[in-house]
């Protein structure tokens, strides 16, 4: 059951205000939300792992070649500064 369907059922149960219907809808909604949260956590894990690997690779690159990285950063700053100054001058 989708979260939207569970939400609609909870709203319908709240509108009729029967104690049993509201409690049952609330229980179903809680179960659906928990399973959706678990599915989201499981689905996002590959992205988190990829980000960690990328960060580790970038850290290794910077630690292995600090002057090269500093030169590239300075060059990028100069280019961005030049383009920004040119754009503001127009």
Protein backbone atom coordinates (compact mmCIF):
# COMPACT_ATOMS: atom_id res chain seq x y z
CA UNK A 1 0.00 0.00 0.00
CA UNK A 2 1.38 3.41 -0.90
CA UNK A 3 1.92 6.24 1.51
CA UNK A 4 -0.64 8.34 -0.34
CA UNK A 5 -3.29 5.63 -0.04
CA UNK A 6 -2.52 5.19 3.66
CA UNK A 7 -2.77 8.95 4.18
CA UNK A 8 -6.11 9.06 2.40
CA UNK A 9 -7.40 6.21 4.55
CA UNK A 10 -6.23 7.98 7.69
CA UNK A 11 -7.99 11.17 6.63
CA UNK A 12 -11.19 9.25 5.85
CA UNK A 13 -11.03 7.52 9.22
CA UNK A 14 -10.47 10.86 10.95
CA UNK A 15 -13.46 12.34 9.11
CA UNK A 16 -15.77 9.59 10.31
CA UNK A 17 -14.14 9.79 13.75
CA UNK A 18 -14.73 6.17 14.66
CA UNK A 19 -12.18 5.03 17.19
CA UNK A 20 -11.49 1.62 15.64
CA UNK A 21 -11.23 2.93 12.07
CA UNK A 22 -8.87 5.70 13.08
CA UNK A 23 -6.67 3.35 15.10
CA UNK A 24 -6.49 0.83 12.24
CA UNK A 25 -5.69 3.54 9.69
CA UNK A 26 -3.02 5.00 11.97
CA UNK A 27 -1.41 1.57 12.43
CA UNK A 28 -1.36 0.96 8.66
CA UNK A 29 0.08 4.44 8.07
CA UNK A 30 2.85 3.88 10.64
CA UNK A 31 3.73 0.53 9.08
CA UNK A 32 3.81 2.03 5.59
CA UNK A 33 5.97 4.95 6.72
CA UNK A 34 8.44 2.62 8.42
CA UNK A 35 8.75 0.43 5.34
CA UNK A 36 9.11 3.49 3.10
CA UNK A 37 11.86 4.84 5.36
CA UNK A 38 13.69 1.52 5.26
CA UNK A 39 13.37 1.37 1.46
CA UNK A 40 14.68 4.92 1.15
CA UNK A 41 17.66 4.16 3.38
CA UNK A 42 18.44 1.04 1.37
CA UNK A 43 18.09 2.85 -1.96
CA UNK A 44 20.31 5.75 -0.89
CA UNK A 45 23.14 3.54 0.39
CA UNK A 46 24.85 3.12 -3.04
CA UNK A 47 24.90 6.90 -3.49
CA UNK A 48 26.40 7.37 -0.03
CA UNK A 49 29.04 4.73 -0.72
CA UNK A 50 29.89 6.33 -4.07
CA UNK A 51 30.24 9.73 -2.45
CA UNK A 52 32.57 8.32 0.19
CA UNK A 53 34.73 6.67 -2.49
CA UNK A 54 34.87 9.92 -4.48
CA UNK A 55 35.82 11.93 -1.41
CA UNK A 56 38.56 9.44 -0.55
CA UNK A 57 39.91 9.59 -4.12
CA UNK A 58 39.89 13.40 -4.06
CA UNK A 59 41.65 13.39 -0.69
CA UNK A 60 44.32 11.04 -2.04
CA UNK A 61 44.80 13.25 -5.10
CA UNK A 62 45.19 16.41 -3.05
CA UNK A 63 47.56 14.79 -0.56
CA UNK A 64 49.65 13.28 -3.37
CA UNK A 65 49.82 16.42 -5.53
CA UNK A 66 49.27 19.49 -3.33
CA UNK A 67 51.07 21.99 -5.59
CA UNK A 68 49.32 20.79 -8.73
CA UNK A 69 45.93 21.07 -7.06
CA UNK A 70 46.81 24.53 -5.71
CA UNK A 71 47.86 25.66 -9.19
CA UNK A 72 44.65 24.37 -10.74
CA UNK A 73 42.59 26.10 -8.04
CA UNK A 74 44.41 29.40 -8.60
CA UNK A 75 43.98 29.13 -12.37
CA UNK A 76 40.29 28.38 -11.98
CA UNK A 77 39.91 31.38 -9.67
CA UNK A 78 41.64 33.66 -12.17
CA UNK A 79 39.42 32.44 -15.03
CA UNK A 80 36.24 32.83 -12.97
CA UNK A 81 37.35 36.28 -11.79
CA UNK A 82 38.11 37.34 -15.37
CA UNK A 83 34.74 36.12 -16.63
CA UNK A 84 32.89 37.79 -13.75
CA UNK A 85 34.71 41.09 -14.34
CA UNK A 86 33.99 40.90 -18.06
CA UNK A 87 30.31 40.18 -17.43
CA UNK A 88 30.00 43.07 -14.96
CA UNK A 89 31.76 45.38 -17.41
CA UNK A 90 29.19 44.70 -20.15
